[in-house]
Amino acid sequence: MSTLVRHPYLDHPGPLAFAHRGGAADGLENTAAQFRRALALGYRYLETDVHATADGRLVAFHDPTLDRVTDGAGRIADLPWETVAQARVGGREPVPLLEELLETFPGARWNVDVKAEPALRPLLELIERADAWDRVCVGSFSEARVARAQRLAGPRLATSYGVRGVLGLRLRSWGLPVAARRSAVAAQVPVAQSGVPVVDARFVRAAHARGLQVHVWTVNEPEPMHRLLDLGVDGIMTDHIDTLRAVLQQRGVWA
């Protein structure tokens, strides 16, 4: 693993185990109850997503609408927090504010996917208020959104590559002379995209040569977990938090 780029967010022995949406396989994704279960298992890295409500409150929620996982309905961006707060994930658990999660779980580190532009500035303002620069890594599929976050916050903010950054790194791993950004701390990538492999030994070597960690999502079966760890990836995001924990324990690297 490269040590060329070290942000306090990355300070952890061994591979990073991310509970994706807290462990989405349990059906209560992105809820305080699910994050609490992951932490009780020993996880310290939690992945979540953020949207802003119509009145600017920042909620931990993946979809743009409430419909799929809650008993509510409608676009979060069109609803006031008072309405979103009434929805229940799986008919049981409330949709949490990200601010409440940072306060409730002060020992956790958060990987936050900014799903829409209106959530970006409130997120950076929240990180500033909570003095959580060492506890949060910001990512987005939008390269421009990640770049704006970096311009606004500077090097104190940990970020992952957007899609273009990952593509550039993939091309460089094939020996093509493509410039790549240096300001991120990690490339967070799927195993493959549209049937084209993303993570292989060359990709991991190219990332490490630039001081970047490689975090792979969303990996839910033991065999690919072992294979990726054998390649030297630095972190795995999973919906099946019991499975990843067992794999890392078997390898003697559960920390």
Foldseek 3Di string as FASTA:
>chain_A
DAQPDDALLQPDFFFAEEAEQLQCVVQQGVFPVSVVVLVVLPHQEYEFEWDAACVGFIWTDDDQWPPPFWPDTDGRNDHDPVRQQVIAGNDHTGTDGVLVVCVVCVRHAYEYEYEDDSNLVVVVVSCVVSVCLSRYEYEYLDQVSQVVSCVVPPLSHAYEHHPVLLVQLQVVLVVDPGDHDLRHQAHEEECADPPHGRDDLSSCVSQSVSNHAYEYDDDEDLVVLVVNVVSPHRYYYYSHSVNNQVSCVVVVRRD
